[in-house]
């Protein structure tokens, strides 16, 4: 049913509940799990008037993304599942949607929500919210 499951992650200590659900679903359906991270290098809205923060944009964003997916992928070691690591640079929501649109064998997205405040979600939007509203495949959100 779910040939491939996309698991977008945003940090190495990713939500344990989401990992548990992804593992259970992948075992049940014998799915490949794609652990995915996208690093957004565009300046945050709060950085506009803060030159110190602008100068802190990491130059090794690809290494950061690779490190995150490698650490999260370790959770699946010994499961017998096929785990693929994938990274990109760009807006995380757009990149998640791009990956699913370019690989028709991805049948499910599993992602955690991190409980943004209503005002922050209104101002900045949430990656999960954007993916839910624009994905053409099912999105399982773990809270």
N, C-alpha and C. Protein backbone atom coordinates (compact mmCIF):
# COMPACT_ATOMS: atom_id res chain seq x y z
N UNK A 1 0.81 -1.20 0.00
CA UNK A 1 0.00 0.00 0.00
C UNK A 1 0.86 1.27 0.00
N UNK A 2 1.85 1.32 0.89
CA UNK A 2 2.75 2.48 0.95
C UNK A 2 4.14 2.02 0.54
N UNK A 3 4.42 2.07 -0.75
CA UNK A 3 5.71 1.61 -1.28
C UNK A 3 6.87 2.37 -0.63
N UNK A 4 6.70 3.70 -0.56
CA UNK A 4 7.71 4.54 0.08
C UNK A 4 7.02 5.53 0.99
N UNK A 5 7.65 5.78 2.14
CA UNK A 5 7.17 6.77 3.11
C UNK A 5 8.22 7.85 3.23
N UNK A 6 7.81 9.10 3.08
CA UNK A 6 8.71 10.23 3.26
C UNK A 6 8.61 10.71 4.70
N UNK A 7 9.76 10.79 5.36
CA UNK A 7 9.83 11.23 6.76
C UNK A 7 10.68 12.49 6.82
N UNK A 8 10.06 13.67 6.66
CA UNK A 8 10.82 14.91 6.77
C UNK A 8 11.18 15.16 8.23
N UNK A 9 12.43 15.47 8.47
CA UNK A 9 12.91 15.73 9.84
C UNK A 9 13.62 17.08 9.87
N UNK A 10 13.55 17.73 11.02
CA UNK A 10 14.14 19.06 11.09
C UNK A 10 15.28 19.20 12.09
N UNK A 11 15.51 18.14 12.86
CA UNK A 11 16.62 18.18 13.82
C UNK A 11 17.01 16.75 14.19
N UNK A 12 18.22 16.58 14.71
CA UNK A 12 18.69 15.21 15.01
C UNK A 12 17.88 14.52 16.11
N UNK A 13 17.34 15.27 17.05
CA UNK A 13 16.55 14.67 18.13
C UNK A 13 15.06 14.73 17.78
N UNK A 14 14.75 14.25 16.57
CA UNK A 14 13.40 14.31 16.03
C UNK A 14 12.40 13.63 16.97
N UNK A 15 11.17 14.07 16.91
CA UNK A 15 10.09 13.60 17.75
C UNK A 15 10.01 12.06 17.76
N UNK A 16 10.21 11.48 18.93
CA UNK A 16 10.24 10.03 19.06
C UNK A 16 8.93 9.38 18.64
N UNK A 17 7.80 10.04 18.92
CA UNK A 17 6.50 9.46 18.53
C UNK A 17 6.41 9.31 17.01
N UNK A 18 6.89 10.31 16.29
CA UNK A 18 6.85 10.24 14.83
C UNK A 18 7.75 9.12 14.31
N UNK A 19 8.90 8.94 14.93
CA UNK A 19 9.80 7.85 14.53
C UNK A 19 9.16 6.49 14.79
N UNK A 20 8.52 6.35 15.95
CA UNK A 20 7.86 5.09 16.29
C UNK A 20 6.75 4.77 15.29
N UNK A 21 5.95 5.77 14.94
CA UNK A 21 4.86 5.56 13.99
C UNK A 21 5.42 5.21 12.61
N UNK A 22 6.47 5.93 12.19
CA UNK A 22 7.08 5.64 10.88
C UNK A 22 7.62 4.22 10.84
N UNK A 23 8.27 3.79 11.91
CA UNK A 23 8.80 2.43 11.98
C UNK A 23 7.67 1.40 11.91
N UNK A 24 6.62 1.60 12.69
CA UNK A 24 5.49 0.67 12.69
C UNK A 24 4.82 0.58 11.32
N UNK A 25 4.58 1.74 10.71
CA UNK A 25 3.92 1.77 9.40
C UNK A 25 4.80 1.10 8.34
N UNK A 26 6.08 1.42 8.36
CA UNK A 26 7.00 0.85 7.37
C UNK A 26 7.11 -0.66 7.52
N UNK A 27 7.14 -1.16 8.74
CA UNK A 27 7.20 -2.61 8.95
C UNK A 27 5.90 -3.26 8.48
N UNK A 28 4.79 -2.64 8.81
CA UNK A 28 3.48 -3.22 8.46
C UNK A 28 3.32 -3.33 6.94
N UNK A 29 3.75 -2.30 6.22
CA UNK A 29 3.54 -2.27 4.77
C UNK A 29 4.81 -2.59 3.97
N UNK A 30 5.89 -2.97 4.69
CA UNK A 30 7.17 -3.29 4.04
C UNK A 30 7.62 -2.14 3.13
N UNK A 31 7.55 -0.95 3.70
CA UNK A 31 7.86 0.28 2.95
C UNK A 31 9.31 0.68 3.10
N UNK A 32 9.79 1.36 2.08
CA UNK A 32 11.07 2.05 2.17
C UNK A 32 10.79 3.37 2.89
N UNK A 33 11.69 3.78 3.77
CA UNK A 33 11.56 5.06 4.47
C UNK A 33 12.62 6.01 3.94
N UNK A 34 12.17 7.17 3.48
CA UNK A 34 13.09 8.21 3.03
C UNK A 34 13.17 9.26 4.12
N UNK A 35 14.32 9.32 4.78
CA UNK A 35 14.55 10.33 5.82
C UNK A 35 15.08 11.57 5.10
N UNK A 36 14.36 12.69 5.27
CA UNK A 36 14.61 13.88 4.46
C UNK A 36 14.76 15.12 5.32
N UNK A 37 15.75 15.94 4.97
CA UNK A 37 15.92 17.25 5.61
C UNK A 37 16.24 18.28 4.56
N UNK A 38 15.62 19.44 4.69
CA UNK A 38 15.91 20.57 3.82
C UNK A 38 16.32 21.75 4.69
N UNK A 39 17.44 22.33 4.37
CA UNK A 39 17.93 23.49 5.10
C UNK A 39 17.56 24.75 4.33
N UNK A 40 16.84 25.63 5.00
CA UNK A 40 16.42 26.89 4.40
C UNK A 40 17.48 27.95 4.73
N UNK A 41 18.10 28.50 3.70
CA UNK A 41 19.15 29.50 3.94
C UNK A 41 18.66 30.92 3.77
N UNK A 42 17.36 31.09 3.49
CA UNK A 42 16.84 32.45 3.38
C UNK A 42 16.77 33.08 4.77
N UNK A 43 17.03 34.38 4.86
CA UNK A 43 17.02 35.02 6.18
C UNK A 43 15.65 34.97 6.83
N UNK A 44 15.65 34.73 8.12
CA UNK A 44 14.45 34.74 8.91
C UNK A 44 13.90 36.16 9.00
N UNK A 45 12.60 36.31 9.13
CA UNK A 45 11.98 37.63 9.22
C UNK A 45 12.56 38.44 10.38
N UNK A 46 12.98 37.79 11.43
CA UNK A 46 13.53 38.48 12.58
C UNK A 46 14.95 39.00 12.33
N UNK A 47 15.60 38.52 11.30
CA UNK A 47 16.98 38.89 11.03
C UNK A 47 17.11 40.20 10.25
N UNK A 48 16.01 40.74 9.76
CA UNK A 48 16.06 41.89 8.86
C UNK A 48 16.91 43.02 9.41
N UNK A 49 16.76 43.33 10.69
CA UNK A 49 17.50 44.45 11.28
C UNK A 49 18.57 43.98 12.26
N UNK A 50 19.02 42.77 12.14
CA UNK A 50 20.01 42.23 13.07
C UNK A 50 21.21 41.68 12.29
N UNK A 51 22.21 42.54 12.02
CA UNK A 51 23.36 42.10 11.23
C UNK A 51 24.15 40.97 11.88
N UNK A 52 24.11 40.87 13.19
CA UNK A 52 24.82 39.78 13.86
C UNK A 52 24.21 38.44 13.46
N UNK A 53 22.87 38.35 13.44
CA UNK A 53 22.21 37.10 13.06
C UNK A 53 22.42 36.79 11.59
N UNK A 54 22.38 37.80 10.73
CA UNK A 54 22.58 37.57 9.31
C UNK A 54 23.95 36.97 9.06
N UNK A 55 24.95 37.44 9.78
CA UNK A 55 26.31 36.93 9.61
C UNK A 55 26.50 35.53 10.17
N UNK A 56 25.52 35.00 10.88
CA UNK A 56 25.63 33.66 11.45
C UNK A 56 25.03 32.58 10.55
N UNK A 57 24.60 32.93 9.36
CA UNK A 57 24.06 31.91 8.46
C UNK A 57 25.16 30.89 8.20
N UNK A 58 24.92 29.63 8.53
CA UNK A 58 25.98 28.63 8.35
C UNK A 58 26.30 28.40 6.87
N UNK A 59 27.58 28.28 6.60
CA UNK A 59 28.01 28.05 5.23
C UNK A 59 27.98 26.58 4.85
N UNK A 60 27.86 25.73 5.83
CA UNK A 60 27.89 24.29 5.57
C UNK A 60 26.51 23.67 5.74
N UNK A 61 25.49 24.28 5.13
CA UNK A 61 24.13 23.79 5.28
C UNK A 61 23.95 22.37 4.78
N UNK A 62 24.66 22.00 3.73
CA UNK A 62 24.57 20.62 3.24
C UNK A 62 25.07 19.63 4.27
N UNK A 63 26.16 20.00 4.97
CA UNK A 63 26.68 19.13 6.03
C UNK A 63 25.70 19.01 7.19
N UNK A 64 25.04 20.12 7.52
CA UNK A 64 24.06 20.11 8.60
C UNK A 64 22.91 19.18 8.24
N UNK A 65 22.39 19.31 7.02
CA UNK A 65 21.29 18.47 6.57
C UNK A 65 21.70 16.99 6.59
N UNK A 66 22.87 16.69 6.09
CA UNK A 66 23.36 15.30 6.05
C UNK A 66 23.51 14.74 7.46
N UNK A 67 24.02 15.55 8.37
CA UNK A 67 24.19 15.11 9.75
C UNK A 67 22.84 14.78 10.39
N UNK A 68 21.85 15.60 10.14
CA UNK A 68 20.51 15.38 10.71
C UNK A 68 19.92 14.07 10.20
N UNK A 69 19.94 13.85 8.89
CA UNK A 69 19.32 12.62 8.36
C UNK A 69 20.11 11.38 8.78
N UNK A 70 21.42 11.50 8.88
CA UNK A 70 22.22 10.36 9.32
C UNK A 70 21.88 9.98 10.76
N UNK A 71 21.77 10.96 11.63
CA UNK A 71 21.44 10.68 13.03
C UNK A 71 20.04 10.10 13.18
N UNK A 72 19.08 10.64 12.44
CA UNK A 72 17.71 10.12 12.52
C UNK A 72 17.65 8.71 11.92
N UNK A 73 18.38 8.47 10.84
CA UNK A 73 18.37 7.15 10.20
C UNK A 73 18.88 6.06 11.13
N UNK A 74 19.73 6.40 12.07
CA UNK A 74 20.26 5.42 13.01
C UNK A 74 19.15 4.76 13.83
N UNK A 75 18.05 5.47 14.01
CA UNK A 75 16.91 4.91 14.74
C UNK A 75 16.40 3.63 14.07
N UNK A 76 16.50 3.55 12.76
CA UNK A 76 15.95 2.43 12.00
C UNK A 76 16.94 1.27 11.83
N UNK A 77 18.17 1.41 12.34
CA UNK A 77 19.15 0.35 12.21
C UNK A 77 18.64 -0.93 12.85
N UNK A 78 18.85 -2.03 12.16
CA UNK A 78 18.43 -3.32 12.67
C UNK A 78 16.96 -3.65 12.41
N UNK A 79 16.25 -2.75 11.75
CA UNK A 79 14.82 -2.98 11.50
C UNK A 79 14.58 -3.84 10.27
N UNK A 80 15.60 -3.98 9.43
CA UNK A 80 15.43 -4.73 8.19
C UNK A 80 14.77 -3.92 7.09
N UNK A 81 14.49 -2.67 7.35
CA UNK A 81 13.85 -1.81 6.35
C UNK A 81 14.89 -1.12 5.48
N UNK A 82 14.48 -0.81 4.26
CA UNK A 82 15.34 -0.01 3.39
C UNK A 82 15.16 1.45 3.79
N UNK A 83 16.27 2.09 4.16
CA UNK A 83 16.26 3.50 4.57
C UNK A 83 17.10 4.29 3.58
N UNK A 84 16.52 5.34 3.06
CA UNK A 84 17.23 6.21 2.13
C UNK A 84 17.36 7.58 2.78
N UNK A 85 18.53 8.17 2.67
CA UNK A 85 18.75 9.51 3.20
C UNK A 85 18.73 10.50 2.05
N UNK A 86 18.02 11.61 2.26
CA UNK A 86 17.91 12.61 1.20
C UNK A 86 17.94 14.00 1.83
N UNK A 87 18.68 14.91 1.18
CA UNK A 87 18.76 16.29 1.67
C UNK A 87 18.55 17.25 0.52
N UNK A 88 18.24 18.48 0.87
CA UNK A 88 18.13 19.55 -0.13
C UNK A 88 18.35 20.88 0.57
N UNK A 89 18.50 21.91 -0.24
CA UNK A 89 18.63 23.27 0.25
C UNK A 89 17.45 24.06 -0.31
N UNK A 90 16.69 24.69 0.56
CA UNK A 90 15.55 25.49 0.13
C UNK A 90 14.45 25.49 1.17
N UNK A 91 13.35 26.11 0.85
CA UNK A 91 12.20 26.16 1.75
C UNK A 91 11.73 24.74 2.04
N UNK A 92 11.74 24.32 3.31
CA UNK A 92 11.41 22.93 3.62
C UNK A 92 10.07 22.45 3.07
N UNK A 93 9.02 23.24 3.22
CA UNK A 93 7.71 22.81 2.72
C UNK A 93 7.74 22.61 1.21
N UNK A 94 8.31 23.56 0.50
CA UNK A 94 8.38 23.45 -0.96
C UNK A 94 9.22 22.25 -1.38
N UNK A 95 10.31 22.01 -0.68
CA UNK A 95 11.18 20.88 -1.02
C UNK A 95 10.50 19.54 -0.75
N UNK A 96 9.75 19.46 0.35
CA UNK A 96 9.00 18.22 0.65
C UNK A 96 8.01 17.95 -0.47
N UNK A 97 7.28 18.97 -0.87
CA UNK A 97 6.29 18.81 -1.94
C UNK A 97 6.97 18.46 -3.26
N UNK A 98 8.11 19.06 -3.52
CA UNK A 98 8.86 18.79 -4.74
C UNK A 98 9.28 17.31 -4.81
N UNK A 99 9.78 16.80 -3.69
CA UNK A 99 10.21 15.40 -3.64
C UNK A 99 9.04 14.47 -3.93
N UNK A 100 7.90 14.73 -3.32
CA UNK A 100 6.75 13.84 -3.52
C UNK A 100 6.17 13.95 -4.93
N UNK A 101 6.27 15.11 -5.52
CA UNK A 101 5.76 15.28 -6.89
C UNK A 101 6.67 14.62 -7.92
N UNK A 102 7.95 14.49 -7.60
CA UNK A 102 8.91 13.90 -8.53
C UNK A 102 9.13 12.40 -8.34
N UNK A 103 8.55 11.83 -7.30
CA UNK A 103 8.67 10.39 -7.07
C UNK A 103 7.28 9.83 -6.77
N UNK A 104 6.64 9.31 -7.78
CA UNK A 104 5.26 8.84 -7.63
C UNK A 104 5.15 7.59 -6.76
N UNK A 105 6.27 6.98 -6.41
CA UNK A 105 6.19 5.81 -5.54
C UNK A 105 6.11 6.20 -4.05
N UNK A 106 6.30 7.48 -3.73
CA UNK A 106 6.09 7.95 -2.36
C UNK A 106 4.59 8.09 -2.17
N UNK A 107 4.05 7.33 -1.23
CA UNK A 107 2.60 7.27 -1.05
C UNK A 107 2.12 7.88 0.26
N UNK A 108 3.06 8.25 1.16
CA UNK A 108 2.68 8.78 2.47
C UNK A 108 3.79 9.67 2.99
N UNK A 109 3.39 10.76 3.64
CA UNK A 109 4.32 11.64 4.35
C UNK A 109 3.97 11.52 5.83
N UNK A 110 4.97 11.24 6.65
CA UNK A 110 4.77 11.22 8.10
C UNK A 110 5.64 12.32 8.68
N UNK A 111 5.02 13.25 9.40
CA UNK A 111 5.79 14.34 9.99
C UNK A 111 5.21 14.76 11.32
N UNK A 112 6.07 15.29 12.17
CA UNK A 112 5.65 15.77 13.48
C UNK A 112 5.32 17.26 13.38
N UNK A 113 4.44 17.67 14.26
CA UNK A 113 4.17 19.09 14.41
C UNK A 113 4.78 19.50 15.74
N UNK A 114 5.30 20.69 15.77
CA UNK A 114 6.04 21.09 16.97
C UNK A 114 5.31 22.11 17.81
N UNK A 115 4.02 22.26 17.62
CA UNK A 115 3.21 23.10 18.50
C UNK A 115 3.56 24.57 18.47
N UNK A 116 3.68 25.15 17.30
CA UNK A 116 3.90 26.59 17.20
C UNK A 116 2.74 27.34 17.83
N UNK A 117 3.02 28.51 18.39
CA UNK A 117 1.94 29.34 18.89
C UNK A 117 1.11 29.84 17.72
N UNK A 118 -0.13 30.19 17.97
CA UNK A 118 -1.02 30.65 16.92
C UNK A 118 -0.45 31.88 16.22
N UNK A 119 0.09 32.82 16.99
CA UNK A 119 0.61 34.05 16.38
C UNK A 119 1.84 33.78 15.52
N UNK A 120 2.72 32.90 15.96
CA UNK A 120 3.91 32.57 15.17
C UNK A 120 3.51 31.84 13.89
N UNK A 121 2.56 30.91 13.99
CA UNK A 121 2.10 30.18 12.81
C UNK A 121 1.45 31.15 11.82
N UNK A 122 0.70 32.15 12.35
CA UNK A 122 0.06 33.13 11.48
C UNK A 122 1.09 33.98 10.75
N UNK A 123 2.13 34.41 11.47
CA UNK A 123 3.14 35.28 10.87
C UNK A 123 4.07 34.53 9.92
N UNK A 124 4.51 33.37 10.33
CA UNK A 124 5.54 32.66 9.57
C UNK A 124 5.02 31.47 8.79
N UNK A 125 3.89 30.94 9.21
CA UNK A 125 3.40 29.71 8.61
C UNK A 125 4.13 28.53 9.22
N UNK A 126 3.62 27.37 9.01
CA UNK A 126 4.27 26.18 9.53
C UNK A 126 4.54 25.25 8.36
N UNK A 127 5.67 24.59 8.40
CA UNK A 127 6.01 23.65 7.34
C UNK A 127 4.93 22.58 7.25
N UNK A 128 4.54 22.03 8.39
CA UNK A 128 3.52 20.99 8.40
C UNK A 128 2.22 21.50 7.79
N UNK A 129 1.81 22.69 8.18
CA UNK A 129 0.57 23.27 7.67
C UNK A 129 0.62 23.43 6.15
N UNK A 130 1.73 23.92 5.64
CA UNK A 130 1.87 24.10 4.19
C UNK A 130 1.82 22.76 3.46
N UNK A 131 2.48 21.77 4.02
CA UNK A 131 2.51 20.44 3.38
C UNK A 131 1.11 19.84 3.39
N UNK A 132 0.41 19.93 4.51
CA UNK A 132 -0.94 19.37 4.61
C UNK A 132 -1.84 19.97 3.53
N UNK A 133 -1.75 21.26 3.34
CA UNK A 133 -2.65 21.94 2.41
C UNK A 133 -2.29 21.77 0.94
N UNK A 134 -1.06 21.38 0.63
CA UNK A 134 -0.65 21.33 -0.77
C UNK A 134 -0.23 19.94 -1.26
N UNK A 135 -0.05 19.00 -0.35
CA UNK A 135 0.38 17.66 -0.78
C UNK A 135 -0.73 16.94 -1.52
N UNK A 136 -0.33 16.15 -2.51
CA UNK A 136 -1.29 15.39 -3.29
C UNK A 136 -1.39 13.94 -2.81
N UNK A 137 -0.65 13.65 -1.73
CA UNK A 137 -0.71 12.33 -1.13
C UNK A 137 -1.06 12.50 0.35
N UNK A 138 -1.44 11.42 1.03
CA UNK A 138 -1.79 11.55 2.45
C UNK A 138 -0.62 12.01 3.31
N UNK A 139 -0.95 12.82 4.32
CA UNK A 139 0.04 13.31 5.27
C UNK A 139 -0.44 12.88 6.65
N UNK A 140 0.38 12.12 7.35
CA UNK A 140 0.07 11.70 8.71
C UNK A 140 0.87 12.60 9.65
N UNK A 141 0.16 13.40 10.43
CA UNK A 141 0.81 14.35 11.33
C UNK A 141 0.77 13.78 12.74
N UNK A 142 1.93 13.72 13.36
CA UNK A 142 2.06 13.19 14.71
C UNK A 142 2.29 14.37 15.65
N UNK A 143 1.48 14.44 16.67
CA UNK A 143 1.60 15.55 17.62
C UNK A 143 2.18 15.06 18.92
